[in-house]
Amino acid sequence: MVEPNPGSAGFTLLELLVTLSLLGLLTMVMFGGLRFGVQVWARTGTDLTGVNNARKAEMLIEADLDKAYPLYSTTGTTAEIAFDGEAHRVRYLTPSNETPGSLDSVALEKIENGTTAGLDRTSRAELARSDEVHRKTLLTPLTSVTFSYFGSAHDGEKPTWSNEWRHRTRMPQRILIAIDEQGGRHEEMVVAPRLTADVGCVFDALTKSCRGR
């Protein structure tokens, strides 16, 4: 019969308890690091999504206002272009993406939704017979959206910034959109409309309006 070798004895109960405690501690540390990494990844993904959405909205707004068309019209003794700018809303005409050669009537405006706000874009075909309106929320949740306009109403006047641009016969030189997000992030973008006059207008100096309108 082979006698047990005293040098090959197993772990004592104390050694086993210490080993299990160390393994449990290492497992907690590894799990904590993994959870932290997942949280960072999720937060980074959310931030990137927000940045991408903001960039898409910025590109759409810039394309809209860059090509805003200053359609000139007269009503009785008054004349103005199809551009109506206020502090929290701006309305204008811009070339349609769905129907080439036509114009869409577009409005960018701040929409309240309970305790938050959003920037909405509504559009409809200028000459459409129906009242069908397409609405899209560009950015949310926001705390503030404001529009400002830079330019002069008449020749010889010094250009200044104003919180409205209404009933004018010319486009503003610059349009500033200031956006405050709920997380405290502040964004500003400035767009300079390229079209400053209605190309279909043949100005009549006598009536001070476009001929035939």
N, C-alpha and C. Protein backbone atom coordinates (compact mmCIF):
# COMPACT_ATOMS: atom_id res chain seq x y z
N MET A 1 0.85 -1.19 0.00
CA MET A 1 0.00 0.00 0.00
C MET A 1 0.88 1.23 0.00
N VAL A 2 0.53 2.22 -0.87
CA VAL A 2 1.33 3.44 -0.98
C VAL A 2 0.88 4.42 0.07
N GLU A 3 1.82 4.86 0.87
CA GLU A 3 1.47 5.82 1.91
C GLU A 3 1.43 7.24 1.34
N PRO A 4 0.49 8.12 1.78
CA PRO A 4 0.42 9.50 1.28
C PRO A 4 1.66 10.28 1.59
N ASN A 5 2.10 11.08 0.65
CA ASN A 5 3.28 11.91 0.80
C ASN A 5 2.91 13.18 1.54
N PRO A 6 3.51 13.46 2.67
CA PRO A 6 3.16 14.67 3.43
C PRO A 6 3.39 15.96 2.64
N GLY A 7 4.31 15.98 1.66
CA GLY A 7 4.60 17.21 0.90
C GLY A 7 3.55 17.52 -0.13
N SER A 8 2.61 16.58 -0.45
CA SER A 8 1.60 16.83 -1.49
C SER A 8 0.21 17.07 -0.90
N ALA A 9 0.19 17.57 0.34
CA ALA A 9 -1.10 17.84 1.00
C ALA A 9 -1.85 18.95 0.26
N GLY A 10 -3.23 18.98 0.29
CA GLY A 10 -4.04 19.99 -0.38
C GLY A 10 -4.04 21.31 0.35
N PHE A 11 -4.90 22.29 -0.17
CA PHE A 11 -5.01 23.60 0.46
C PHE A 11 -5.72 23.48 1.79
N THR A 12 -5.33 24.31 2.67
CA THR A 12 -6.04 24.40 3.93
C THR A 12 -7.30 25.23 3.70
N LEU A 13 -8.22 25.15 4.65
CA LEU A 13 -9.48 25.90 4.55
C LEU A 13 -9.21 27.41 4.51
N LEU A 14 -8.24 27.86 5.26
CA LEU A 14 -7.91 29.29 5.30
C LEU A 14 -7.38 29.77 3.94
N GLU A 15 -6.50 28.96 3.33
CA GLU A 15 -5.96 29.33 2.02
C GLU A 15 -7.08 29.36 0.97
N LEU A 16 -8.00 28.42 1.06
CA LEU A 16 -9.11 28.39 0.10
C LEU A 16 -9.99 29.62 0.24
N LEU A 17 -10.27 30.03 1.47
CA LEU A 17 -11.09 31.22 1.71
C LEU A 17 -10.41 32.48 1.20
N VAL A 18 -9.09 32.57 1.42
CA VAL A 18 -8.35 33.74 0.93
C VAL A 18 -8.36 33.79 -0.59
N THR A 19 -8.18 32.63 -1.21
CA THR A 19 -8.19 32.58 -2.69
C THR A 19 -9.55 32.97 -3.26
N LEU A 20 -10.62 32.47 -2.64
CA LEU A 20 -11.96 32.80 -3.11
C LEU A 20 -12.25 34.29 -2.92
N SER A 21 -11.75 34.85 -1.82
CA SER A 21 -11.95 36.29 -1.58
C SER A 21 -11.23 37.12 -2.62
N LEU A 22 -10.01 36.72 -2.96
CA LEU A 22 -9.25 37.45 -3.99
C LEU A 22 -9.93 37.34 -5.35
N LEU A 23 -10.42 36.15 -5.68
CA LEU A 23 -11.11 35.97 -6.96
C LEU A 23 -12.38 36.82 -7.01
N GLY A 24 -13.12 36.88 -5.91
CA GLY A 24 -14.33 37.71 -5.86
C GLY A 24 -13.99 39.18 -6.04
N LEU A 25 -12.90 39.63 -5.38
CA LEU A 25 -12.48 41.03 -5.51
C LEU A 25 -12.07 41.36 -6.93
N LEU A 26 -11.31 40.47 -7.57
CA LEU A 26 -10.89 40.68 -8.96
C LEU A 26 -12.10 40.71 -9.89
N THR A 27 -13.08 39.83 -9.61
CA THR A 27 -14.29 39.80 -10.45
C THR A 27 -15.05 41.11 -10.34
N MET A 28 -15.16 41.67 -9.13
CA MET A 28 -15.85 42.94 -8.92
C MET A 28 -15.14 44.06 -9.66
N VAL A 29 -13.79 44.07 -9.58
CA VAL A 29 -13.02 45.12 -10.26
C VAL A 29 -13.21 45.03 -11.77
N MET A 30 -13.14 43.79 -12.30
CA MET A 30 -13.29 43.61 -13.74
C MET A 30 -14.71 43.99 -14.19
N PHE A 31 -15.72 43.61 -13.40
CA PHE A 31 -17.10 43.93 -13.77
C PHE A 31 -17.34 45.44 -13.71
N GLY A 32 -16.76 46.10 -12.72
CA GLY A 32 -16.89 47.55 -12.62
C GLY A 32 -16.25 48.26 -13.81
N GLY A 33 -15.08 47.79 -14.21
CA GLY A 33 -14.43 48.38 -15.38
C GLY A 33 -15.21 48.14 -16.65
N LEU A 34 -15.79 46.95 -16.79
CA LEU A 34 -16.60 46.65 -17.98
C LEU A 34 -17.85 47.52 -18.02
N ARG A 35 -18.51 47.69 -16.86
CA ARG A 35 -19.72 48.51 -16.82
C ARG A 35 -19.39 49.97 -17.14
N PHE A 36 -18.25 50.45 -16.63
CA PHE A 36 -17.83 51.82 -16.92
C PHE A 36 -17.58 52.00 -18.42
N GLY A 37 -16.93 50.98 -19.03
CA GLY A 37 -16.66 51.06 -20.46
C GLY A 37 -17.94 51.08 -21.28
N VAL A 38 -18.93 50.27 -20.86
CA VAL A 38 -20.22 50.25 -21.57
C VAL A 38 -20.92 51.60 -21.45
N GLN A 39 -20.88 52.21 -20.25
CA GLN A 39 -21.51 53.51 -20.05
C GLN A 39 -20.84 54.58 -20.90
N VAL A 40 -19.51 54.56 -20.95
CA VAL A 40 -18.78 55.53 -21.78
C VAL A 40 -19.11 55.34 -23.25
N TRP A 41 -19.18 54.09 -23.69
CA TRP A 41 -19.50 53.80 -25.08
C TRP A 41 -20.90 54.30 -25.42
N ALA A 42 -21.87 54.03 -24.51
CA ALA A 42 -23.24 54.46 -24.76
C ALA A 42 -23.34 55.98 -24.78
N ARG A 43 -22.64 56.65 -23.83
CA ARG A 43 -22.67 58.11 -23.78
C ARG A 43 -22.03 58.70 -25.03
N THR A 44 -20.93 58.10 -25.47
CA THR A 44 -20.25 58.59 -26.68
C THR A 44 -21.15 58.41 -27.90
N GLY A 45 -21.84 57.25 -27.98
CA GLY A 45 -22.74 57.02 -29.09
C GLY A 45 -23.88 58.03 -29.12
N THR A 46 -24.42 58.36 -27.93
CA THR A 46 -25.49 59.35 -27.84
C THR A 46 -25.01 60.71 -28.27
N ASP A 47 -23.80 61.10 -27.81
CA ASP A 47 -23.24 62.39 -28.18
C ASP A 47 -23.02 62.48 -29.69
N LEU A 48 -22.49 61.40 -30.28
CA LEU A 48 -22.24 61.39 -31.72
C LEU A 48 -23.54 61.49 -32.50
N THR A 49 -24.59 60.81 -32.00
CA THR A 49 -25.89 60.90 -32.66
C THR A 49 -26.41 62.32 -32.62
N GLY A 50 -26.26 62.98 -31.46
CA GLY A 50 -26.70 64.37 -31.35
C GLY A 50 -25.93 65.29 -32.27
N VAL A 51 -24.62 65.09 -32.37
CA VAL A 51 -23.80 65.91 -33.25
C VAL A 51 -24.18 65.69 -34.70
N ASN A 52 -24.41 64.42 -35.08
CA ASN A 52 -24.81 64.12 -36.46
C ASN A 52 -26.15 64.75 -36.81
N ASN A 53 -27.11 64.66 -35.88
CA ASN A 53 -28.42 65.27 -36.12
C ASN A 53 -28.30 66.78 -36.26
N ALA A 54 -27.47 67.38 -35.41
CA ALA A 54 -27.29 68.83 -35.47
C ALA A 54 -26.65 69.23 -36.79
N ARG A 55 -25.70 68.43 -37.25
CA ARG A 55 -25.02 68.73 -38.51
C ARG A 55 -25.98 68.61 -39.69
N LYS A 56 -26.84 67.56 -39.69
CA LYS A 56 -27.81 67.39 -40.76
C LYS A 56 -28.79 68.57 -40.78
N ALA A 57 -29.25 68.98 -39.59
CA ALA A 57 -30.17 70.12 -39.51
C ALA A 57 -29.50 71.39 -40.01
N GLU A 58 -28.25 71.58 -39.64
CA GLU A 58 -27.51 72.76 -40.08
C GLU A 58 -27.36 72.80 -41.59
N MET A 59 -27.06 71.66 -42.20
CA MET A 59 -26.90 71.59 -43.66
C MET A 59 -28.22 71.90 -44.37
N LEU A 60 -29.33 71.38 -43.82
CA LEU A 60 -30.64 71.62 -44.43
C LEU A 60 -31.02 73.10 -44.34
N ILE A 61 -30.83 73.69 -43.16
CA ILE A 61 -31.16 75.11 -42.97
C ILE A 61 -30.30 75.98 -43.87
N GLU A 62 -29.01 75.66 -43.94
CA GLU A 62 -28.11 76.45 -44.77
C GLU A 62 -28.49 76.37 -46.24
N ALA A 63 -28.84 75.17 -46.71
CA ALA A 63 -29.25 75.00 -48.11
C ALA A 63 -30.54 75.77 -48.39
N ASP A 64 -31.46 75.76 -47.43
CA ASP A 64 -32.73 76.48 -47.58
C ASP A 64 -32.50 77.99 -47.71
N LEU A 65 -31.86 78.56 -46.70
CA LEU A 65 -31.72 80.01 -46.63
C LEU A 65 -30.71 80.54 -47.65
N ASP A 66 -29.75 79.71 -48.00
CA ASP A 66 -28.77 80.13 -49.00
C ASP A 66 -29.44 80.40 -50.34
N LYS A 67 -30.50 79.62 -50.65
CA LYS A 67 -31.20 79.75 -51.93
C LYS A 67 -32.59 80.38 -51.78
N ALA A 68 -32.85 81.02 -50.64
CA ALA A 68 -34.17 81.64 -50.42
C ALA A 68 -34.46 82.63 -51.55
N TYR A 69 -35.65 82.50 -52.13
CA TYR A 69 -35.98 83.31 -53.30
C TYR A 69 -36.80 84.54 -52.90
N PRO A 70 -36.33 85.75 -53.22
CA PRO A 70 -37.02 86.99 -52.84
C PRO A 70 -38.10 87.39 -53.84
N LEU A 71 -39.15 86.60 -53.92
CA LEU A 71 -40.25 86.90 -54.85
C LEU A 71 -40.86 88.25 -54.50
N TYR A 72 -40.90 89.12 -55.48
CA TYR A 72 -41.36 90.50 -55.27
C TYR A 72 -42.84 90.59 -55.64
N SER A 73 -43.63 91.20 -54.77
CA SER A 73 -45.05 91.34 -55.04
C SER A 73 -45.55 92.68 -54.52
N THR A 74 -46.65 93.15 -55.10
CA THR A 74 -47.24 94.42 -54.69
C THR A 74 -48.70 94.20 -54.32
N THR A 75 -49.14 94.94 -53.34
CA THR A 75 -50.54 94.92 -52.91
C THR A 75 -51.00 96.36 -52.72
N GLY A 76 -51.76 96.84 -53.68
CA GLY A 76 -52.17 98.24 -53.60
C GLY A 76 -50.97 99.16 -53.75
N THR A 77 -50.70 99.92 -52.73
CA THR A 77 -49.57 100.87 -52.78
C THR A 77 -48.34 100.33 -52.07
N THR A 78 -48.41 99.12 -51.55
CA THR A 78 -47.26 98.55 -50.83
C THR A 78 -46.61 97.46 -51.66
N ALA A 79 -45.32 97.26 -51.42
CA ALA A 79 -44.55 96.23 -52.12
C ALA A 79 -43.61 95.57 -51.13
N GLU A 80 -43.39 94.27 -51.29
CA GLU A 80 -42.50 93.55 -50.39
C GLU A 80 -42.08 92.24 -51.03
N ILE A 81 -41.06 91.64 -50.45
CA ILE A 81 -40.59 90.34 -50.93
C ILE A 81 -41.18 89.24 -50.04
N ALA A 82 -41.14 88.03 -50.56
CA ALA A 82 -41.70 86.88 -49.83
C ALA A 82 -40.68 86.37 -48.82
N PHE A 83 -40.45 87.17 -47.79
CA PHE A 83 -39.55 86.78 -46.71
C PHE A 83 -40.08 87.46 -45.44
N ASP A 84 -40.39 86.65 -44.44
CA ASP A 84 -40.97 87.18 -43.21
C ASP A 84 -40.20 86.63 -42.02
N GLY A 85 -39.37 87.47 -41.43
CA GLY A 85 -38.52 87.01 -40.33
C GLY A 85 -38.93 87.60 -38.99
N GLU A 86 -39.09 86.72 -38.00
CA GLU A 86 -39.37 87.13 -36.63
C GLU A 86 -38.33 86.52 -35.70
N ALA A 87 -38.45 86.81 -34.40
CA ALA A 87 -37.45 86.34 -33.45
C ALA A 87 -37.43 84.82 -33.31
N HIS A 88 -38.60 84.17 -33.40
CA HIS A 88 -38.67 82.73 -33.21
C HIS A 88 -39.21 81.99 -34.43
N ARG A 89 -39.34 82.71 -35.55
CA ARG A 89 -39.84 82.06 -36.76
C ARG A 89 -39.40 82.85 -37.98
N VAL A 90 -39.11 82.12 -39.05
CA VAL A 90 -38.78 82.76 -40.32
C VAL A 90 -39.47 81.98 -41.44
N ARG A 91 -40.12 82.72 -42.37
CA ARG A 91 -40.82 82.11 -43.50
C ARG A 91 -40.24 82.65 -44.79
N TYR A 92 -40.10 81.78 -45.79
CA TYR A 92 -39.44 82.15 -47.03
C TYR A 92 -39.79 81.17 -48.13
N LEU A 93 -39.40 81.49 -49.35
CA LEU A 93 -39.55 80.59 -50.49
C LEU A 93 -38.18 80.03 -50.85
N THR A 94 -38.15 78.76 -51.20
CA THR A 94 -36.89 78.14 -51.59
C THR A 94 -37.17 77.10 -52.67
N PRO A 95 -36.22 76.84 -53.58
CA PRO A 95 -36.46 75.86 -54.64
C PRO A 95 -36.86 74.49 -54.10
N SER A 96 -37.84 73.88 -54.73
CA SER A 96 -38.35 72.59 -54.29
C SER A 96 -37.40 71.46 -54.71
N ASN A 97 -37.17 70.53 -53.78
CA ASN A 97 -36.34 69.36 -54.10
C ASN A 97 -37.15 68.28 -54.80
N GLU A 98 -38.47 68.27 -54.58
CA GLU A 98 -39.32 67.25 -55.17
C GLU A 98 -39.82 67.63 -56.56
N THR A 99 -40.05 68.93 -56.78
CA THR A 99 -40.55 69.39 -58.08
C THR A 99 -39.60 70.44 -58.63
N PRO A 100 -38.61 70.05 -59.43
CA PRO A 100 -37.64 71.01 -59.98
C PRO A 100 -38.34 72.12 -60.76
N GLY A 101 -37.89 73.35 -60.57
CA GLY A 101 -38.45 74.48 -61.27
C GLY A 101 -39.53 75.19 -60.50
N SER A 102 -39.98 74.60 -59.38
CA SER A 102 -41.02 75.24 -58.58
C SER A 102 -40.44 75.63 -57.22
N LEU A 103 -41.25 76.35 -56.44
CA LEU A 103 -40.81 76.82 -55.14
C LEU A 103 -41.65 76.21 -54.03
N ASP A 104 -41.03 76.05 -52.88
CA ASP A 104 -41.73 75.61 -51.67
C ASP A 104 -41.80 76.78 -50.69
N SER A 105 -42.94 76.90 -50.03
CA SER A 105 -43.08 77.87 -48.96
C SER A 105 -42.68 77.18 -47.67
N VAL A 106 -41.63 77.68 -47.03
CA VAL A 106 -41.03 77.00 -45.88
C VAL A 106 -41.07 77.90 -44.65
N ALA A 107 -41.26 77.28 -43.50
CA ALA A 107 -41.21 78.00 -42.22
C ALA A 107 -40.31 77.24 -41.26
N LEU A 108 -39.35 77.94 -40.67
CA LEU A 108 -38.56 77.40 -39.57
C LEU A 108 -39.04 78.10 -38.31
N GLU A 109 -39.42 77.33 -37.30
CA GLU A 109 -39.96 77.97 -36.10
C GLU A 109 -39.73 77.14 -34.85
N LYS A 110 -39.69 77.87 -33.76
CA LYS A 110 -39.56 77.24 -32.44
C LYS A 110 -40.92 76.72 -32.01
N ILE A 111 -40.96 75.44 -31.62
CA ILE A 111 -42.20 74.81 -31.19
C ILE A 111 -42.06 74.39 -29.73
N GLU A 112 -42.98 74.84 -28.88
CA GLU A 112 -42.97 74.46 -27.48
C GLU A 112 -43.63 73.09 -27.31
N ASN A 113 -43.00 72.26 -26.48
CA ASN A 113 -43.53 70.92 -26.21
C ASN A 113 -43.39 70.65 -24.71
N GLY A 114 -44.35 71.17 -23.94
CA GLY A 114 -44.26 71.02 -22.49
C GLY A 114 -43.15 71.90 -21.94
N THR A 115 -42.17 71.27 -21.29
CA THR A 115 -41.06 72.01 -20.69
C THR A 115 -39.88 72.14 -21.65
N THR A 116 -39.98 71.53 -22.83
CA THR A 116 -38.88 71.60 -23.81
C THR A 116 -39.36 72.31 -25.08
N ALA A 117 -38.41 72.56 -25.94
CA ALA A 117 -38.72 73.20 -27.22
C ALA A 117 -37.99 72.46 -28.33
N GLY A 118 -38.42 72.70 -29.55
CA GLY A 118 -37.79 72.08 -30.70
C GLY A 118 -37.79 73.03 -31.88
N LEU A 119 -36.97 72.74 -32.85
CA LEU A 119 -36.93 73.51 -34.09
C LEU A 119 -37.59 72.70 -35.17
N ASP A 120 -38.73 73.19 -35.67
CA ASP A 120 -39.51 72.49 -36.69
C ASP A 120 -39.38 73.17 -38.05
N ARG A 121 -39.48 72.35 -39.10
CA ARG A 121 -39.50 72.86 -40.46
C ARG A 121 -40.79 72.39 -41.13
N THR A 122 -41.61 73.31 -41.59
CA THR A 122 -42.82 72.97 -42.32
C THR A 122 -42.69 73.50 -43.74
N SER A 123 -43.23 72.76 -44.70
CA SER A 123 -43.12 73.17 -46.09
C SER A 123 -44.36 72.74 -46.87
N ARG A 124 -44.68 73.51 -47.87
CA ARG A 124 -45.76 73.17 -48.80
C ARG A 124 -45.45 73.82 -50.14
N ALA A 125 -45.91 73.21 -51.20
CA ALA A 125 -45.69 73.76 -52.53
C ALA A 125 -46.37 75.13 -52.63
N GLU A 126 -45.63 76.10 -53.17
CA GLU A 126 -46.14 77.48 -53.21
C GLU A 126 -47.48 77.57 -53.96
N LEU A 127 -47.58 76.89 -55.09
CA LEU A 127 -48.78 76.97 -55.92
C LEU A 127 -49.70 75.77 -55.75
N ALA A 128 -49.53 75.04 -54.66
CA ALA A 128 -50.35 73.84 -54.46
C ALA A 128 -51.80 74.23 -54.20
N ARG A 129 -52.70 73.43 -54.74
CA ARG A 129 -54.12 73.68 -54.53
C ARG A 129 -54.60 73.15 -53.19
N SER A 130 -53.89 72.15 -52.65
CA SER A 130 -54.27 71.59 -51.36
C SER A 130 -53.51 72.29 -50.24
N ASP A 131 -53.96 72.07 -49.02
CA ASP A 131 -53.30 72.64 -47.85
C ASP A 131 -52.36 71.65 -47.19
N GLU A 132 -51.95 70.62 -47.94
CA GLU A 132 -51.07 69.60 -47.38
C GLU A 132 -49.73 70.22 -46.98
N VAL A 133 -49.35 70.00 -45.72
CA VAL A 133 -48.12 70.56 -45.17
C VAL A 133 -47.23 69.42 -44.68
N HIS A 134 -45.95 69.51 -45.00
CA HIS A 134 -44.97 68.53 -44.52
C HIS A 134 -44.22 69.13 -43.33
N ARG A 135 -44.26 68.43 -42.19
CA ARG A 135 -43.62 68.93 -40.98
C ARG A 135 -42.52 67.97 -40.54
N LYS A 136 -41.40 68.54 -40.14
CA LYS A 136 -40.27 67.74 -39.68
C LYS A 136 -39.59 68.45 -38.52
N THR A 137 -39.34 67.72 -37.44
CA THR A 137 -38.60 68.28 -36.30
C THR A 137 -37.11 68.10 -36.57
N LEU A 138 -36.40 69.22 -36.67
CA LEU A 138 -34.98 69.17 -36.99
C LEU A 138 -34.13 68.93 -35.75
N LEU A 139 -34.47 69.61 -34.65
CA LEU A 139 -33.67 69.49 -33.43
C LEU A 139 -34.59 69.49 -32.21
N THR A 140 -34.27 68.66 -31.23
CA THR A 140 -34.98 68.59 -29.96
C THR A 140 -34.19 67.68 -29.02
N PRO A 141 -34.20 67.88 -27.69
CA PRO A 141 -34.89 68.95 -26.97
C PRO A 141 -33.99 70.20 -26.87
N LEU A 142 -34.62 71.34 -26.97
CA LEU A 142 -33.91 72.61 -26.91
C LEU A 142 -34.53 73.48 -25.81
N THR A 143 -33.78 74.50 -25.41
CA THR A 143 -34.32 75.48 -24.46
C THR A 143 -34.60 76.81 -25.13
N SER A 144 -33.91 77.07 -26.26
CA SER A 144 -34.11 78.36 -26.92
C SER A 144 -33.71 78.28 -28.38
N VAL A 145 -34.49 78.97 -29.23
CA VAL A 145 -34.17 79.13 -30.65
C VAL A 145 -34.52 80.56 -31.03
N THR A 146 -33.52 81.32 -31.51
CA THR A 146 -33.78 82.71 -31.89
C THR A 146 -33.15 83.00 -33.24
N PHE A 147 -33.83 83.86 -34.00
CA PHE A 147 -33.35 84.30 -35.31
C PHE A 147 -33.07 85.80 -35.25
N SER A 148 -31.96 86.20 -35.88
CA SER A 148 -31.61 87.61 -36.00
C SER A 148 -31.23 87.90 -37.44
N TYR A 149 -31.41 89.18 -37.84
CA TYR A 149 -31.23 89.54 -39.25
C TYR A 149 -30.36 90.79 -39.34
N PHE A 150 -29.44 90.76 -40.29
CA PHE A 150 -28.50 91.86 -40.47
C PHE A 150 -28.69 92.46 -41.86
N GLY A 151 -28.82 93.77 -41.91
CA GLY A 151 -28.96 94.44 -43.20
C GLY A 151 -29.56 95.81 -43.02
N SER A 152 -29.81 96.48 -44.13
CA SER A 152 -30.43 97.81 -44.12
C SER A 152 -31.69 97.76 -44.96
N ALA A 153 -32.72 98.43 -44.49
CA ALA A 153 -34.01 98.41 -45.19
C ALA A 153 -33.99 99.27 -46.45
N HIS A 154 -33.17 100.32 -46.46
CA HIS A 154 -33.15 101.25 -47.60
C HIS A 154 -31.71 101.59 -47.96
N ASP A 155 -31.54 102.07 -49.19
CA ASP A 155 -30.22 102.50 -49.65
C ASP A 155 -29.72 103.65 -48.77
N GLY A 156 -28.44 103.62 -48.45
CA GLY A 156 -27.85 104.68 -47.66
C GLY A 156 -27.91 104.45 -46.16
N GLU A 157 -28.74 103.49 -45.71
CA GLU A 157 -28.83 103.21 -44.29
C GLU A 157 -27.68 102.29 -43.85
N LYS A 158 -27.23 102.46 -42.63
CA LYS A 158 -26.18 101.61 -42.09
C LYS A 158 -26.77 100.25 -41.70
N PRO A 159 -26.18 99.14 -42.17
CA PRO A 159 -26.71 97.82 -41.80
C PRO A 159 -26.61 97.59 -40.29
N THR A 160 -27.64 97.02 -39.71
CA THR A 160 -27.67 96.70 -38.28
C THR A 160 -28.34 95.35 -38.07
N TRP A 161 -28.14 94.79 -36.87
CA TRP A 161 -28.80 93.55 -36.49
C TRP A 161 -30.17 93.87 -35.91
N SER A 162 -31.16 93.03 -36.24
CA SER A 162 -32.52 93.21 -35.75
C SER A 162 -33.15 91.85 -35.49
N ASN A 163 -34.14 91.80 -34.59
CA ASN A 163 -34.81 90.52 -34.30
C ASN A 163 -36.02 90.28 -35.19
N GLU A 164 -36.21 91.14 -36.20
CA GLU A 164 -37.26 90.88 -37.18
C GLU A 164 -36.90 91.51 -38.52
N TRP A 165 -37.45 90.92 -39.57
CA TRP A 165 -37.25 91.41 -40.93
C TRP A 165 -38.54 91.15 -41.69
N ARG A 166 -39.45 92.14 -41.62
CA ARG A 166 -40.79 91.97 -42.16
C ARG A 166 -41.15 93.13 -43.08
N HIS A 167 -41.95 92.80 -44.12
CA HIS A 167 -42.45 93.81 -45.05
C HIS A 167 -41.31 94.65 -45.65
N ARG A 168 -40.26 93.98 -46.05
CA ARG A 168 -39.11 94.65 -46.65
C ARG A 168 -39.10 94.39 -48.15
N THR A 169 -38.36 95.21 -48.87
CA THR A 169 -38.24 95.04 -50.33
C THR A 169 -36.90 94.43 -50.71
N ARG A 170 -36.12 94.03 -49.72
CA ARG A 170 -34.83 93.39 -49.99
C ARG A 170 -34.55 92.34 -48.93
N MET A 171 -33.68 91.40 -49.28
CA MET A 171 -33.32 90.34 -48.37
C MET A 171 -32.31 90.84 -47.33
N PRO A 172 -32.28 90.24 -46.14
CA PRO A 172 -31.21 90.56 -45.19
C PRO A 172 -29.88 90.05 -45.72
N GLN A 173 -28.81 90.72 -45.33
CA GLN A 173 -27.48 90.30 -45.77
C GLN A 173 -27.01 89.04 -45.03
N ARG A 174 -27.40 88.93 -43.78
CA ARG A 174 -27.03 87.77 -42.96
C ARG A 174 -28.22 87.36 -42.10
N ILE A 175 -28.30 86.06 -41.83
CA ILE A 175 -29.31 85.51 -40.93
C ILE A 175 -28.59 84.68 -39.87
N LEU A 176 -28.81 85.01 -38.61
CA LEU A 176 -28.16 84.30 -37.50
C LEU A 176 -29.18 83.44 -36.78
N ILE A 177 -28.86 82.16 -36.63
CA ILE A 177 -29.71 81.25 -35.87
C ILE A 177 -28.93 80.82 -34.63
N ALA A 178 -29.45 81.16 -33.44
CA ALA A 178 -28.82 80.80 -32.17
C ALA A 178 -29.65 79.72 -31.50
N ILE A 179 -29.02 78.61 -31.14
CA ILE A 179 -29.72 77.45 -30.57
C ILE A 179 -29.06 77.06 -29.25
N ASP A 180 -29.88 76.91 -28.22
CA ASP A 180 -29.42 76.43 -26.91
C ASP A 180 -30.05 75.06 -26.66
N GLU A 181 -29.19 74.05 -26.49
CA GLU A 181 -29.68 72.71 -26.20
C GLU A 181 -29.89 72.53 -24.70
N GLN A 182 -30.64 71.51 -24.32
CA GLN A 182 -30.94 71.29 -22.91
C GLN A 182 -29.70 70.98 -22.09
N GLY A 183 -28.73 70.36 -22.69
CA GLY A 183 -27.51 70.03 -21.96
C GLY A 183 -26.59 71.20 -21.72
N GLY A 184 -26.97 72.39 -22.18
CA GLY A 184 -26.16 73.58 -21.98
C GLY A 184 -25.31 73.95 -23.19
N ARG A 185 -25.37 73.15 -24.24
CA ARG A 185 -24.58 73.44 -25.43
C ARG A 185 -25.22 74.56 -26.24
N HIS A 186 -24.40 75.51 -26.68
CA HIS A 186 -24.86 76.66 -27.45
C HIS A 186 -24.26 76.61 -28.84
N GLU A 187 -25.11 76.71 -29.85
CA GLU A 187 -24.67 76.68 -31.24
C GLU A 187 -25.20 77.91 -31.97
N GLU A 188 -24.36 78.45 -32.85
CA GLU A 188 -24.77 79.57 -33.69
C GLU A 188 -24.34 79.29 -35.13
N MET A 189 -25.20 79.66 -36.06
CA MET A 189 -24.83 79.56 -37.47
C MET A 189 -25.32 80.81 -38.19
N VAL A 190 -24.52 81.26 -39.14
CA VAL A 190 -24.83 82.46 -39.91
C VAL A 190 -24.91 82.08 -41.38
N VAL A 191 -26.00 82.48 -42.03
CA VAL A 191 -26.20 82.18 -43.44
C VAL A 191 -26.38 83.49 -44.20
N ALA A 192 -25.75 83.58 -45.36
CA ALA A 192 -25.88 84.76 -46.22
C ALA A 192 -26.66 84.37 -47.47
N PRO A 193 -27.92 84.80 -47.60
CA PRO A 193 -28.70 84.49 -48.81
C PRO A 193 -27.98 84.98 -50.06
N ARG A 194 -27.93 84.14 -51.08
CA ARG A 194 -27.21 84.51 -52.30
C ARG A 194 -28.06 85.35 -53.24
N LEU A 195 -29.38 85.14 -53.25
CA LEU A 195 -30.26 85.88 -54.15
C LEU A 195 -30.76 87.14 -53.44
N THR A 196 -30.48 88.28 -54.03
CA THR A 196 -30.88 89.54 -53.42
C THR A 196 -32.00 90.24 -54.17
N ALA A 197 -32.35 89.73 -55.35
CA ALA A 197 -33.41 90.37 -56.15
C ALA A 197 -34.18 89.31 -56.91
N ASP A 198 -35.45 89.60 -57.17
CA ASP A 198 -36.31 88.73 -57.94
C ASP A 198 -35.91 88.82 -59.42
N VAL A 199 -35.35 87.72 -59.94
CA VAL A 199 -34.85 87.76 -61.31
C VAL A 199 -35.97 87.91 -62.33
N GLY A 200 -37.20 87.60 -61.94
CA GLY A 200 -38.33 87.73 -62.85
C GLY A 200 -38.98 89.10 -62.80
N CYS A 201 -38.36 89.99 -62.04
CA CYS A 201 -38.96 91.32 -61.86
C CYS A 201 -38.35 92.31 -62.84
N VAL A 202 -39.19 92.99 -63.60
CA VAL A 202 -38.77 94.11 -64.43
C VAL A 202 -39.31 95.36 -63.75
N PHE A 203 -38.43 96.08 -63.08
CA PHE A 203 -38.86 97.17 -62.21
C PHE A 203 -39.38 98.36 -63.02
N ASP A 204 -40.51 98.88 -62.60
CA ASP A 204 -41.11 100.06 -63.20
C ASP A 204 -40.89 101.23 -62.27
N ALA A 205 -40.06 102.20 -62.71
CA ALA A 205 -39.73 103.34 -61.85
C ALA A 205 -40.94 104.20 -61.56
N LEU A 206 -41.93 104.19 -62.45
CA LEU A 206 -43.11 105.03 -62.25
C LEU A 206 -44.00 104.48 -61.12
N THR A 207 -44.27 103.18 -61.18
CA THR A 207 -45.11 102.56 -60.15
C THR A 207 -44.30 102.04 -58.99
N LYS A 208 -42.94 102.03 -59.13
CA LYS A 208 -42.03 101.51 -58.10
C LYS A 208 -42.38 100.06 -57.73
N SER A 209 -42.66 99.27 -58.74
CA SER A 209 -42.96 97.86 -58.53
C SER A 209 -42.62 97.09 -59.79
N CYS A 210 -42.75 95.78 -59.73
CA CYS A 210 -42.49 94.97 -60.91
C CYS A 210 -43.62 95.11 -61.92
N ARG A 211 -43.29 95.20 -63.18
CA ARG A 211 -44.30 95.33 -64.21
C ARG A 211 -45.16 94.08 -64.29
N GLY A 212 -46.44 94.28 -64.43
CA GLY A 212 -47.36 93.16 -64.56
C GLY A 212 -47.73 92.54 -63.25
N ARG A 213 -47.33 93.14 -62.12
CA ARG A 213 -47.65 92.57 -60.81
C ARG A 213 -48.39 93.59 -59.96
